C-alpha atoms as a PDB file:
ATOM      1  CA  MET A   1       6.736  -5.689 -24.137  1.00  0.00           C
ATOM      2  CA  ASP A   2       8.160  -7.075 -20.719  1.00  0.00           C
ATOM      3  CA  ALA A   3       8.348 -10.718 -19.685  1.00  0.00           C
ATOM      4  CA  ILE A   4       9.272 -11.849 -16.205  1.00  0.00           C
ATOM      5  CA  LEU A   5      11.488 -14.899 -15.728  1.00  0.00           C
ATOM      6  CA  LEU A   6      10.987 -16.360 -12.449  1.00  0.00           C
ATOM      7  CA  LEU A   7      14.196 -18.572 -11.973  1.00  0.00           C
ATOM      8  CA  GLY A   8      14.372 -21.080  -9.045  1.00  0.00           C
ATOM      9  CA  HIS A   9      17.477 -23.201  -8.104  1.00  0.00           C
ATOM     10  CA  GLY A  10      15.650 -26.419  -8.888  1.00  0.00           C
ATOM     11  CA  SER A  11      15.525 -29.863  -7.303  1.00  0.00           C
ATOM     12  CA  MET A  12      15.612 -33.465  -8.094  1.00  0.00           C
ATOM     13  CA  ARG A  13      12.192 -33.673  -6.443  1.00  0.00           C
ATOM     14  CA  GLU A  14       9.344 -32.757  -8.930  1.00  0.00           C
ATOM     15  CA  GLN A  15       7.159 -31.754  -5.972  1.00  0.00           C
ATOM     16  CA  ALA A  16       9.679 -29.128  -5.048  1.00  0.00           C
ATOM     17  CA  ASN A  17       9.959 -27.827  -8.735  1.00  0.00           C
ATOM     18  CA  ALA A  18       6.188 -27.718  -9.063  1.00  0.00           C
ATOM     19  CA  MET A  19       6.169 -25.126  -6.106  1.00  0.00           C
ATOM     20  CA  LEU A  20       7.729 -22.672  -8.433  1.00  0.00           C
ATOM     21  CA  MET A  21       5.270 -23.144 -11.013  1.00  0.00           C
ATOM     22  CA  ARG A  22       2.569 -22.342  -8.691  1.00  0.00           C
ATOM     23  CA  VAL A  23       4.472 -19.301  -7.428  1.00  0.00           C
ATOM     24  CA  ALA A  24       4.512 -18.103 -11.135  1.00  0.00           C
ATOM     25  CA  GLU A  25       0.823 -18.600 -11.254  1.00  0.00           C
ATOM     26  CA  LEU A  26       0.344 -16.480  -8.177  1.00  0.00           C
ATOM     27  CA  VAL A  27       2.819 -13.624  -9.775  1.00  0.00           C
ATOM     28  CA  ARG A  28       0.514 -13.677 -12.869  1.00  0.00           C
ATOM     29  CA  ASN A  29      -2.328 -13.114 -10.754  1.00  0.00           C
ATOM     30  CA  ARG A  30      -0.709  -9.961  -9.110  1.00  0.00           C
ATOM     31  CA  LEU A  31       0.556  -8.678 -12.410  1.00  0.00           C
ATOM     32  CA  PRO A  32      -2.079  -9.036 -14.932  1.00  0.00           C
ATOM     33  CA  GLY A  33      -0.952  -8.684 -18.528  1.00  0.00           C
ATOM     34  CA  LYS A  34       2.542  -9.648 -17.542  1.00  0.00           C
ATOM     35  CA  ALA A  35       3.956 -12.792 -19.101  1.00  0.00           C
ATOM     36  CA  VAL A  36       5.613 -14.836 -16.319  1.00  0.00           C
ATOM     37  CA  HIS A  37       7.911 -17.862 -17.408  1.00  0.00           C
ATOM     38  CA  PRO A  38       9.199 -20.133 -14.481  1.00  0.00           C
ATOM     39  CA  ALA A  39      12.703 -21.729 -15.184  1.00  0.00           C
ATOM     40  CA  PHE A  40      15.587 -23.357 -13.255  1.00  0.00           C
ATOM     41  CA  MET A  41      19.293 -23.173 -12.745  1.00  0.00           C
ATOM     42  CA  GLN A  42      19.558 -26.793 -12.453  1.00  0.00           C
ATOM     43  CA  PHE A  43      17.623 -30.177 -12.083  1.00  0.00           C
ATOM     44  CA  GLY A  44      14.534 -28.915 -13.720  1.00  0.00           C
ATOM     45  CA  LYS A  45      13.020 -27.820 -17.035  1.00  0.00           C
ATOM     46  CA  PRO A  46      12.798 -25.394 -18.418  1.00  0.00           C
ATOM     47  CA  ASP A  47      16.382 -24.174 -17.627  1.00  0.00           C
ATOM     48  CA  PHE A  48      17.383 -20.416 -17.801  1.00  0.00           C
ATOM     49  CA  PHE A  49      18.152 -20.412 -21.516  1.00  0.00           C
ATOM     50  CA  GLU A  50      14.939 -22.132 -22.410  1.00  0.00           C
ATOM     51  CA  GLY A  51      12.752 -19.845 -20.221  1.00  0.00           C
ATOM     52  CA  ALA A  52      14.622 -16.833 -21.612  1.00  0.00           C
ATOM     53  CA  LYS A  53      13.877 -18.103 -25.220  1.00  0.00           C
ATOM     54  CA  ALA A  54      10.135 -18.577 -24.202  1.00  0.00           C
ATOM     55  CA  CYS A  55      10.005 -15.004 -23.163  1.00  0.00           C
ATOM     56  CA  ILE A  56      11.454 -13.631 -26.271  1.00  0.00           C
ATOM     57  CA  GLU A  57       9.509 -15.944 -28.615  1.00  0.00           C
ATOM     58  CA  ALA A  58       6.268 -14.486 -26.759  1.00  0.00           C
ATOM     59  CA  GLY A  59       7.409 -11.191 -28.034  1.00  0.00           C
ATOM     60  CA  ALA A  60       9.384  -9.758 -24.936  1.00  0.00           C
ATOM     61  CA  THR A  61      11.694  -7.123 -25.868  1.00  0.00           C
ATOM     62  CA  ARG A  62      12.707  -6.668 -22.116  1.00  0.00           C
ATOM     63  CA  VAL A  63      13.158  -9.781 -19.899  1.00  0.00           C
ATOM     64  CA  ILE A  64      12.996  -9.075 -16.123  1.00  0.00           C
ATOM     65  CA  VAL A  65      14.922 -12.052 -14.393  1.00  0.00           C
ATOM     66  CA  HIS A  66      13.961 -12.510 -10.812  1.00  0.00           C
ATOM     67  CA  PRO A  67      16.235 -14.780  -8.954  1.00  0.00           C
ATOM     68  CA  TYR A  68      13.845 -16.637  -6.514  1.00  0.00           C
ATOM     69  CA  PHE A  69      16.585 -17.025  -3.793  1.00  0.00           C
ATOM     70  CA  LEU A  70      16.693 -15.812  -0.360  1.00  0.00           C
ATOM     71  CA  ALA A  71      20.351 -14.539  -0.602  1.00  0.00           C
ATOM     72  CA  ALA A  72      22.529 -13.113  -3.242  1.00  0.00           C
ATOM     73  CA  GLY A  73      25.062 -16.223  -3.403  1.00  0.00           C
ATOM     74  CA  ASP A  74      27.027 -17.033  -6.464  1.00  0.00           C
ATOM     75  CA  HIS A  75      24.225 -17.984  -8.544  1.00  0.00           C
ATOM     76  CA  VAL A  76      22.782 -14.527  -8.280  1.00  0.00           C
ATOM     77  CA  THR A  77      26.083 -12.500  -8.257  1.00  0.00           C
ATOM     78  CA  LYS A  78      28.075 -14.727 -10.876  1.00  0.00           C
ATOM     79  CA  ASP A  79      26.194 -17.252 -12.914  1.00  0.00           C
ATOM     80  CA  ILE A  80      22.938 -15.371 -13.722  1.00  0.00           C
ATOM     81  CA  PRO A  81      24.608 -12.281 -14.903  1.00  0.00           C
ATOM     82  CA  GLY A  82      26.935 -14.406 -16.923  1.00  0.00           C
ATOM     83  CA  MET A  83      24.034 -16.210 -18.553  1.00  0.00           C
ATOM     84  CA  MET A  84      22.203 -12.755 -19.138  1.00  0.00           C
ATOM     85  CA  ALA A  85      25.249 -11.388 -20.788  1.00  0.00           C
ATOM     86  CA  ASP A  86      25.224 -14.502 -23.198  1.00  0.00           C
ATOM     87  CA  MET A  87      21.512 -14.061 -24.094  1.00  0.00           C
ATOM     88  CA  SER A  88      22.143 -10.302 -24.808  1.00  0.00           C
ATOM     89  CA  GLU A  89      24.928 -11.110 -27.061  1.00  0.00           C
ATOM     90  CA  LYS A  90      22.751 -13.507 -29.058  1.00  0.00           C
ATOM     91  CA  HIS A  91      19.571 -11.266 -29.126  1.00  0.00           C
ATOM     92  CA  PRO A  92      20.927  -7.835 -29.212  1.00  0.00           C
ATOM     93  CA  GLY A  93      17.287  -6.514 -29.500  1.00  0.00           C
ATOM     94  CA  VAL A  94      16.297  -7.732 -26.186  1.00  0.00           C
ATOM     95  CA  LYS A  95      17.029  -6.281 -22.952  1.00  0.00           C
ATOM     96  CA  PHE A  96      17.697  -8.298 -19.749  1.00  0.00           C
ATOM     97  CA  VAL A  97      17.430  -6.816 -16.316  1.00  0.00           C
ATOM     98  CA  MET A  98      17.882  -8.631 -12.946  1.00  0.00           C
ATOM     99  CA  THR A  99      15.702  -7.610  -9.780  1.00  0.00           C
ATOM    100  CA  LYS A 100      17.228  -8.335  -6.265  1.00  0.00           C
ATOM    101  CA  PRO A 101      16.626 -11.672  -4.926  1.00  0.00           C
ATOM    102  CA  LEU A 102      13.977 -12.230  -2.081  1.00  0.00           C
ATOM    103  CA  GLY A 103      16.348 -11.000   0.422  1.00  0.00           C
ATOM    104  CA  ILE A 104      14.844  -9.192   3.626  1.00  0.00           C
ATOM    105  CA  HIS A 105      11.548  -7.918   3.099  1.00  0.00           C
ATOM    106  CA  ASP A 106       8.572  -7.173   5.320  1.00  0.00           C
ATOM    107  CA  ASN A 107       6.155  -9.416   3.490  1.00  0.00           C
ATOM    108  CA  LEU A 108       8.456 -12.286   4.113  1.00  0.00           C
ATOM    109  CA  ALA A 109       8.150 -11.655   7.862  1.00  0.00           C
ATOM    110  CA  GLY A 110       4.462 -11.645   7.552  1.00  0.00           C
ATOM    111  CA  VAL A 111       4.626 -15.229   5.906  1.00  0.00           C
ATOM    112  CA  VAL A 112       6.843 -16.302   8.783  1.00  0.00           C
ATOM    113  CA  ALA A 113       4.468 -14.910  11.389  1.00  0.00           C
ATOM    114  CA  GLU A 114       1.337 -16.783   9.666  1.00  0.00           C
ATOM    115  CA  ARG A 115       3.289 -19.912   9.688  1.00  0.00           C
ATOM    116  CA  VAL A 116       4.055 -19.503  13.526  1.00  0.00           C
ATOM    117  CA  ALA A 117       0.470 -18.691  14.038  1.00  0.00           C
ATOM    118  CA  GLU A 118      -0.668 -21.719  12.274  1.00  0.00           C
ATOM    119  CA  ALA A 119       1.763 -24.007  14.270  1.00  0.00           C
ATOM    120  CA  VAL A 120       0.684 -22.334  17.421  1.00  0.00           C
ATOM    121  CA  GLY A 121      -2.884 -22.878  16.764  1.00  0.00           C
ATOM    122  CA  GLU A 122      -2.570 -26.476  15.811  1.00  0.00           C
ATOM    123  CA  SER A 123      -0.287 -27.437  18.839  1.00  0.00           C
ATOM    124  CA  VAL A 124      -2.357 -25.754  21.553  1.00  0.00           C
ATOM    125  CA  ALA A 125      -5.936 -25.973  20.515  1.00  0.00           C
ATOM    126  CA  GLY A 126      -8.309 -25.730  23.312  1.00  0.00           C
ATOM    127  CA  THR A 127      -5.837 -24.310  25.756  1.00  0.00           C
ATOM    128  CA  GLY A 128      -6.898 -20.757  25.311  1.00  0.00           C
ATOM    129  CA  ALA A 129      -3.552 -19.602  23.855  1.00  0.00           C
ATOM    130  CA  LYS A 130      -3.823 -16.549  21.621  1.00  0.00           C
ATOM    131  CA  MET A 131      -2.162 -15.063  18.610  1.00  0.00           C
ATOM    132  CA  SER A 132      -0.149 -11.806  19.033  1.00  0.00           C
ATOM    133  CA  PRO A 133      -1.669  -8.672  17.451  1.00  0.00           C
ATOM    134  CA  GLY A 134       1.301  -8.750  14.990  1.00  0.00           C
ATOM    135  CA  MET A 135       0.523 -12.273  13.853  1.00  0.00           C
ATOM    136  CA  ILE A 136      -3.189 -11.582  13.579  1.00  0.00           C
ATOM    137  CA  GLU A 137      -2.434  -8.471  11.235  1.00  0.00           C
ATOM    138  CA  ALA A 138      -0.091 -10.608   9.229  1.00  0.00           C
ATOM    139  CA  ALA A 139      -2.417 -13.365   8.948  1.00  0.00           C
ATOM    140  CA  SER A 140      -5.275 -10.910   8.046  1.00  0.00           C
ATOM    141  CA  PHE A 141      -3.118  -9.278   5.199  1.00  0.00           C
ATOM    142  CA  HIS A 142      -2.303 -12.588   3.857  1.00  0.00           C
ATOM    143  CA  VAL A 143      -5.982 -13.405   3.579  1.00  0.00           C
ATOM    144  CA  ILE A 144      -6.754  -9.928   1.988  1.00  0.00           C
ATOM    145  CA  ASP A 145      -4.017 -10.570  -0.631  1.00  0.00           C
ATOM    146  CA  THR A 146      -5.146 -13.934  -1.515  1.00  0.00           C
ATOM    147  CA  GLU A 147      -8.766 -13.090  -1.905  1.00  0.00           C
ATOM    148  CA  LEU A 148      -7.985 -10.093  -3.994  1.00  0.00           C
ATOM    149  CA  GLY A 149      -5.583 -12.212  -6.104  1.00  0.00           C
ATOM    150  CA  ARG A 150      -4.171  -8.965  -7.972  1.00  0.00           C
ATOM    151  CA  LEU A 151      -1.814  -6.209  -7.111  1.00  0.00           C
ATOM    152  CA  LEU A 152      -3.752  -2.998  -6.534  1.00  0.00           C
ATOM    153  CA  HIS A 153      -1.986  -0.012  -8.493  1.00  0.00           C
ATOM    154  CA  ASP A 154       1.610  -0.211  -7.270  1.00  0.00           C
ATOM    155  CA  ALA A 155       3.014  -1.650  -4.091  1.00  0.00           C
ATOM    156  CA  LYS A 156       2.740   1.414  -1.922  1.00  0.00           C
ATOM    157  CA  MET A 157      -0.902   2.155  -2.910  1.00  0.00           C
ATOM    158  CA  HIS A 158      -1.717  -1.451  -2.380  1.00  0.00           C
ATOM    159  CA  SER A 159      -0.434  -1.386   1.221  1.00  0.00           C
ATOM    160  CA  ILE A 160      -2.640   1.405   1.661  1.00  0.00           C
ATOM    161  CA  ILE A 161      -5.829  -0.045   0.337  1.00  0.00           C
ATOM    162  CA  ARG A 162      -5.020  -3.337   1.812  1.00  0.00           C
ATOM    163  CA  ARG A 163      -4.999  -1.505   5.398  1.00  0.00           C
ATOM    164  CA  VAL A 164      -8.274   0.162   4.603  1.00  0.00           C
ATOM    165  CA  ILE A 165      -9.864  -3.161   3.750  1.00  0.00           C
ATOM    166  CA  HIS A 166      -8.330  -4.602   7.048  1.00  0.00           C
ATOM    167  CA  ALA A 167     -10.071  -1.771   8.915  1.00  0.00           C
ATOM    168  CA  THR A 168     -13.488  -2.097   7.510  1.00  0.00           C
ATOM    169  CA  GLY A 169     -13.795  -5.656   6.122  1.00  0.00           C
ATOM    170  CA  ASP A 170     -14.962  -4.066   2.974  1.00  0.00           C
ATOM    171  CA  PHE A 171     -13.248  -5.172  -0.324  1.00  0.00           C
ATOM    172  CA  THR A 172     -15.204  -2.711  -2.387  1.00  0.00           C
ATOM    173  CA  PHE A 173     -12.270  -0.160  -1.517  1.00  0.00           C
ATOM    174  CA  ALA A 174     -10.080  -1.905  -3.788  1.00  0.00           C
ATOM    175  CA  ASP A 175     -12.136  -0.470  -6.661  1.00  0.00           C
ATOM    176  CA  ASN A 176     -13.445   2.919  -5.291  1.00  0.00           C
ATOM    177  CA  MET A 177     -10.407   4.448  -3.867  1.00  0.00           C
ATOM    178  CA  ARG A 178      -8.717   7.166  -5.766  1.00  0.00           C
ATOM    179  CA  PHE A 179      -5.036   8.492  -5.553  1.00  0.00           C
ATOM    180  CA  HIS A 180      -3.261  11.586  -7.081  1.00  0.00           C
ATOM    181  CA  ALA A 181      -0.048  10.687  -8.611  1.00  0.00           C
ATOM    182  CA  ARG A 182       2.080  12.334  -5.939  1.00  0.00           C
ATOM    183  CA  ALA A 183      -0.233  11.393  -3.193  1.00  0.00           C
ATOM    184  CA  VAL A 184       1.747   8.673  -1.320  1.00  0.00           C
ATOM    185  CA  GLU A 185       5.004  10.538  -1.907  1.00  0.00           C
ATOM    186  CA  ALA A 186       3.593  13.791  -0.515  1.00  0.00           C
ATOM    187  CA  GLY A 187       2.145  11.941   2.411  1.00  0.00           C
ATOM    188  CA  VAL A 188       5.276  10.259   3.388  1.00  0.00           C
ATOM    189  CA  GLU A 189       7.270  13.555   2.935  1.00  0.00           C
ATOM    190  CA  ALA A 190       4.860  15.264   5.359  1.00  0.00           C
ATOM    191  CA  ILE A 191       5.251  12.589   8.020  1.00  0.00           C
ATOM    192  CA  ARG A 192       8.976  12.620   7.689  1.00  0.00           C
ATOM    193  CA  ALA A 193       9.260  16.415   8.117  1.00  0.00           C
ATOM    194  CA  GLY A 194       7.444  16.126  11.419  1.00  0.00           C
ATOM    195  CA  LYS A 195       4.403  17.975  10.353  1.00  0.00           C
ATOM    196  CA  ASN A 196       1.083  17.573  12.175  1.00  0.00           C
ATOM    197  CA  ILE A 197      -2.166  15.663  10.912  1.00  0.00           C
ATOM    198  CA  LEU A 198      -5.483  17.706  11.214  1.00  0.00           C
ATOM    199  CA  ALA A 199      -8.329  15.455  11.744  1.00  0.00           C
ATOM    200  CA  ASP A 200     -12.001  16.497  11.320  1.00  0.00           C
ATOM    201  CA  VAL A 201     -13.250  14.363  14.258  1.00  0.00           C
ATOM    202  CA  HIS A 202     -12.357  12.619  17.254  1.00  0.00           C
ATOM    203  CA  MET A 203     -12.926   9.206  15.976  1.00  0.00           C
ATOM    204  CA  VAL A 204     -10.159   9.845  13.303  1.00  0.00           C
ATOM    205  CA  GLU A 205      -7.930  11.367  15.900  1.00  0.00           C
ATOM    206  CA  ALA A 206      -8.424   8.387  18.123  1.00  0.00           C
ATOM    207  CA  GLY A 207      -7.441   5.995  15.311  1.00  0.00           C
ATOM    208  CA  ILE A 208      -4.216   7.461  14.166  1.00  0.00           C
ATOM    209  CA  ASN A 209      -1.034   5.878  15.614  1.00  0.00           C
ATOM    210  CA  LYS A 210       0.098   8.837  17.640  1.00  0.00           C
ATOM    211  CA  ALA A 211       3.117   7.158  19.043  1.00  0.00           C
ATOM    212  CA  LEU A 212       4.369   6.336  15.672  1.00  0.00           C
ATOM    213  CA  LEU A 213       3.639   9.951  14.487  1.00  0.00           C
ATOM    214  CA  ALA A 214       5.485  11.381  17.554  1.00  0.00           C
ATOM    215  CA  ARG A 215       8.850   9.448  16.433  1.00  0.00           C
ATOM    216  CA  PHE A 216       8.764  11.890  13.554  1.00  0.00           C
ATOM    217  CA  GLY A 217       7.946  14.907  15.818  1.00  0.00           C
ATOM    218  CA  GLY A 218       4.223  15.349  14.484  1.00  0.00           C
ATOM    219  CA  ARG A 219       0.960  15.658  16.479  1.00  0.00           C
ATOM    220  CA  VAL A 220      -2.736  14.983  15.773  1.00  0.00           C
ATOM    221  CA  LEU A 221      -5.008  18.062  16.052  1.00  0.00           C
ATOM    222  CA  CYS A 222      -8.651  18.078  16.234  1.00  0.00           C
ATOM    223  CA  GLY A 223     -10.659  21.089  17.552  1.00  0.00           C
ATOM    224  CA  ILE A 224     -14.123  19.693  16.765  1.00  0.00           C
ATOM    225  CA  SER A 225     -15.212  19.895  20.514  1.00  0.00           C
ATOM    226  CA  ASP A 226     -13.489  23.110  21.548  1.00  0.00           C
ATOM    227  CA  ALA A 227     -15.921  25.558  23.205  1.00  0.00           C
ATOM    228  CA  ASP A 228     -14.734  28.545  21.425  1.00  0.00           C
ATOM    229  CA  ILE A 229     -15.156  26.635  18.085  1.00  0.00           C
ATOM    230  CA  ALA A 230     -18.792  25.772  19.013  1.00  0.00           C
ATOM    231  CA  LYS A 231     -19.508  29.495  19.769  1.00  0.00           C
ATOM    232  CA  GLU A 232     -17.905  30.638  16.550  1.00  0.00           C
ATOM    233  CA  ALA A 233     -19.778  28.072  14.591  1.00  0.00           C
ATOM    234  CA  ILE A 234     -23.306  29.206  16.174  1.00  0.00           C
ATOM    235  CA  ALA A 235     -22.332  32.936  15.389  1.00  0.00           C
ATOM    236  CA  THR A 236     -21.214  32.407  11.915  1.00  0.00           C
ATOM    237  CA  GLY A 237     -23.863  29.668  10.945  1.00  0.00           C
ATOM    238  CA  GLN A 238     -21.072  27.311  10.053  1.00  0.00           C
ATOM    239  CA  THR A 239     -20.678  23.874  11.105  1.00  0.00           C
ATOM    240  CA  ARG A 240     -18.056  22.984  13.976  1.00  0.00           C
ATOM    241  CA  ALA A 241     -16.022  20.798  11.414  1.00  0.00           C
ATOM    242  CA  GLU A 242     -15.750  23.829   8.962  1.00  0.00           C
ATOM    243  CA  VAL A 243     -14.422  26.236  11.754  1.00  0.00           C
ATOM    244  CA  ALA A 244     -12.063  23.633  13.201  1.00  0.00           C
ATOM    245  CA  ILE A 245     -10.585  23.290   9.848  1.00  0.00           C
ATOM    246  CA  GLU A 246     -10.050  26.685   9.336  1.00  0.00           C
ATOM    247  CA  ARG A 247      -8.671  27.538  12.877  1.00  0.00           C
ATOM    248  CA  HIS A 248      -5.902  25.060  12.512  1.00  0.00           C
ATOM    249  CA  THR A 249      -4.639  26.024   9.011  1.00  0.00           C
ATOM    250  CA  ARG A 250      -1.462  27.689  10.344  1.00  0.00           C
ATOM    251  CA  ASP A 251      -0.582  24.903  12.824  1.00  0.00           C
ATOM    252  CA  ASN A 252       2.199  23.103  10.500  1.00  0.00           C
ATOM    253  CA  ILE A 253      -0.516  20.846   8.876  1.00  0.00           C
ATOM    254  CA  GLY A 254       1.116  18.214   6.426  1.00  0.00           C
ATOM    255  CA  ILE A 255      -1.969  16.001   6.144  1.00  0.00           C
ATOM    256  CA  VAL A 256      -5.731  16.914   6.529  1.00  0.00           C
ATOM    257  CA  ALA A 257      -7.590  13.547   7.426  1.00  0.00           C
ATOM    258  CA  VAL A 258     -11.469  13.852   7.034  1.00  0.00           C
ATOM    259  CA  GLY A 259     -13.415  10.821   7.662  1.00  0.00           C
ATOM    260  CA  ASN A 260     -16.742  11.998   8.802  1.00  0.00           C
ATOM    261  CA  ALA A 261     -17.838  15.515   7.830  1.00  0.00           C
ATOM    262  CA  PRO A 262     -18.361  16.572   4.149  1.00  0.00           C
ATOM    263  CA  THR A 263     -18.447  20.130   5.219  1.00  0.00           C
ATOM    264  CA  ALA A 264     -14.897  19.977   6.606  1.00  0.00           C
ATOM    265  CA  LEU A 265     -13.628  18.566   3.183  1.00  0.00           C
ATOM    266  CA  MET A 266     -15.376  21.252   1.364  1.00  0.00           C
ATOM    267  CA  ARG A 267     -14.013  23.865   3.529  1.00  0.00           C
ATOM    268  CA  ALA A 268     -10.318  22.420   3.433  1.00  0.00           C
ATOM    269  CA  MET A 269     -10.668  22.528  -0.460  1.00  0.00           C
ATOM    270  CA  ASP A 270     -12.108  26.174  -0.582  1.00  0.00           C
ATOM    271  CA  LEU A 271      -9.162  27.270   1.669  1.00  0.00           C
ATOM    272  CA  ILE A 272      -6.868  25.600  -0.391  1.00  0.00           C
ATOM    273  CA  GLU A 273      -8.323  27.154  -3.514  1.00  0.00           C
ATOM    274  CA  PHE A 274      -8.162  30.716  -1.904  1.00  0.00           C
ATOM    275  CA  GLY A 275      -4.577  30.167  -1.123  1.00  0.00           C
ATOM    276  CA  ALA A 276      -5.100  30.249   2.561  1.00  0.00           C
ATOM    277  CA  PHE A 277      -4.102  26.736   3.310  1.00  0.00           C
ATOM    278  CA  ALA A 278      -1.496  24.415   1.839  1.00  0.00           C
ATOM    279  CA  PRO A 279      -1.256  20.913   3.393  1.00  0.00           C
ATOM    280  CA  GLU A 280       0.941  18.484   1.587  1.00  0.00           C
ATOM    281  CA  LEU A 281      -1.957  15.851   1.175  1.00  0.00           C
ATOM    282  CA  VAL A 282      -5.528  15.748   1.634  1.00  0.00           C
ATOM    283  CA  VAL A 283      -7.107  12.516   2.901  1.00  0.00           C
ATOM    284  CA  GLY A 284     -11.053  12.941   2.060  1.00  0.00           C
ATOM    285  CA  VAL A 285     -13.058   9.935   2.841  1.00  0.00           C
ATOM    286  CA  PRO A 286     -16.228  11.250   4.625  1.00  0.00           C
ATOM    287  CA  VAL A 287     -19.090   8.809   4.954  1.00  0.00           C
ATOM    288  CA  GLY A 288     -22.860   9.514   4.520  1.00  0.00           C
ATOM    289  CA  PHE A 289     -25.733  10.405   2.232  1.00  0.00           C
ATOM    290  CA  VAL A 290     -25.618  14.123   2.219  1.00  0.00           C
ATOM    291  CA  ASN A 291     -22.516  15.762   0.267  1.00  0.00           C
ATOM    292  CA  ALA A 292     -20.366  13.046   0.946  1.00  0.00           C
ATOM    293  CA  ALA A 293     -20.165  11.556  -2.415  1.00  0.00           C
ATOM    294  CA  GLU A 294     -20.056  15.075  -3.945  1.00  0.00           C
ATOM    295  CA  SER A 295     -17.139  16.416  -1.633  1.00  0.00           C
ATOM    296  CA  LYS A 296     -15.117  13.373  -2.719  1.00  0.00           C
ATOM    297  CA  GLU A 297     -15.998  13.516  -6.372  1.00  0.00           C
ATOM    298  CA  ARG A 298     -14.808  17.369  -6.217  1.00  0.00           C
ATOM    299  CA  LEU A 299     -11.534  16.150  -4.406  1.00  0.00           C
ATOM    300  CA  SER A 300     -10.848  13.565  -6.964  1.00  0.00           C
ATOM    301  CA  LYS A 301     -10.560  16.470  -9.876  1.00  0.00           C
ATOM    302  CA  GLN A 302      -8.070  18.502  -7.846  1.00  0.00           C
ATOM    303  CA  ASP A 303      -4.426  18.849  -9.009  1.00  0.00           C
ATOM    304  CA  TYR A 304      -2.955  18.617  -5.400  1.00  0.00           C
ATOM    305  CA  PRO A 305      -2.223  15.522  -3.635  1.00  0.00           C
ATOM    306  CA  PHE A 306      -5.286  13.700  -2.462  1.00  0.00           C
ATOM    307  CA  ILE A 307      -6.738  10.334  -1.547  1.00  0.00           C
ATOM    308  CA  THR A 308     -10.348   9.678  -1.500  1.00  0.00           C
ATOM    309  CA  SER A 309     -12.897   6.983  -1.903  1.00  0.00           C
ATOM    310  CA  LEU A 310     -15.813   7.674  -4.264  1.00  0.00           C
ATOM    311  CA  GLY A 311     -19.480   7.295  -3.526  1.00  0.00           C
ATOM    312  CA  ARG A 312     -21.141   7.183   0.008  1.00  0.00           C
ATOM    313  CA  LYS A 313     -18.717   4.681   1.564  1.00  0.00           C
ATOM    314  CA  GLY A 314     -15.816   6.017   3.761  1.00  0.00           C
ATOM    315  CA  GLY A 315     -15.689   6.895   7.379  1.00  0.00           C
ATOM    316  CA  SER A 316     -13.165   7.699  10.320  1.00  0.00           C
ATOM    317  CA  PRO A 317     -11.624   4.096  10.172  1.00  0.00           C
ATOM    318  CA  VAL A 318     -10.861   4.563   6.384  1.00  0.00           C
ATOM    319  CA  ALA A 319      -9.196   8.020   7.158  1.00  0.00           C
ATOM    320  CA  ALA A 320      -7.189   6.593  10.138  1.00  0.00           C
ATOM    321  CA  ALA A 321      -6.198   3.469   8.318  1.00  0.00           C
ATOM    322  CA  THR A 322      -5.180   5.572   5.268  1.00  0.00           C
ATOM    323  CA  VAL A 323      -2.818   7.716   7.442  1.00  0.00           C
ATOM    324  CA  ASN A 324      -1.517   4.865   9.372  1.00  0.00           C
ATOM    325  CA  ALA A 325      -0.541   3.232   6.337  1.00  0.00           C
ATOM    326  CA  ILE A 326       1.330   6.217   4.998  1.00  0.00           C
ATOM    327  CA  MET A 327       3.230   6.407   8.417  1.00  0.00           C
ATOM    328  CA  LYS A 328       4.110   2.613   8.075  1.00  0.00           C
ATOM    329  CA  LEU A 329       5.662   3.571   4.445  1.00  0.00           C
ATOM    330  CA  ALA A 330       7.354   6.639   6.114  1.00  0.00           C
ATOM    331  CA  GLU A 331       8.846   4.261   8.661  1.00  0.00           C
ATOM    332  CA  ALA A 332       9.948   1.749   6.366  1.00  0.00           C
ATOM    333  CA  GLU A 333      11.913   4.351   4.422  1.00  0.00           C
END
């Protein structure tokens, strides 16, 4: 069993120490089932040893110590490792692991952006001053995380679902999205390899961040409105979406993004099954009442990387948001 020891510096002011207790509550909400014990280096109770003992008494066989510090100073590099070694010697059956301190992280930048937005809003109320797009996005993500109150899957999957919720305003995607075990990894690899993205409709194409994709060497392809594809669709009795998917299978496609047409998703899966198509990732989230749920249910049972949302809900904004979130992860790496 794991337990988390959230270790703050400690202060002579009880109000300051109470903040760490509140942070521990928030971490518990994000990591349901994990025991989280706050402790202080000095000035506060419990101290490190009392907190570690509480973890062990709760049944922990591994204590994960998180130094709630911005930088890796002497406490992080010297004092805490020494105390962990002391506890390990006294409790040989318990493993002690230390995380990095808070350090530099995109989420911290989001908090700063939110605080700036709050200050600007209070000081220039009524003057017409506006928040920047980055500040709005950071504040929106904070609202979403607060209302969710928990971490969805792992941090990378959470970042994708959070962006989908941001694009749709619909929190039900927190529960109905499904990921293949290698989906995120495969998508990031495809982006970083400079591969192209195949969209089923122009709304998906329009929503994808092409400037960011171009930095990796990729392009967004969509043939749904091409005249020759329309002619072939009429001649063969297929939908334009089906023909457009098949037409681009040899164009260095890394990710297929379907947000509108179930027939496009079905055709992509057929071509993969026949060995005629091998994208690294299929993002299949078509919306609708005819074969949308069925196509996504089929995708959710495949053994190749996929991301989907069960049921009738989905759409072009969901597909584009999913791809954009993957590109953000590729950029971060």
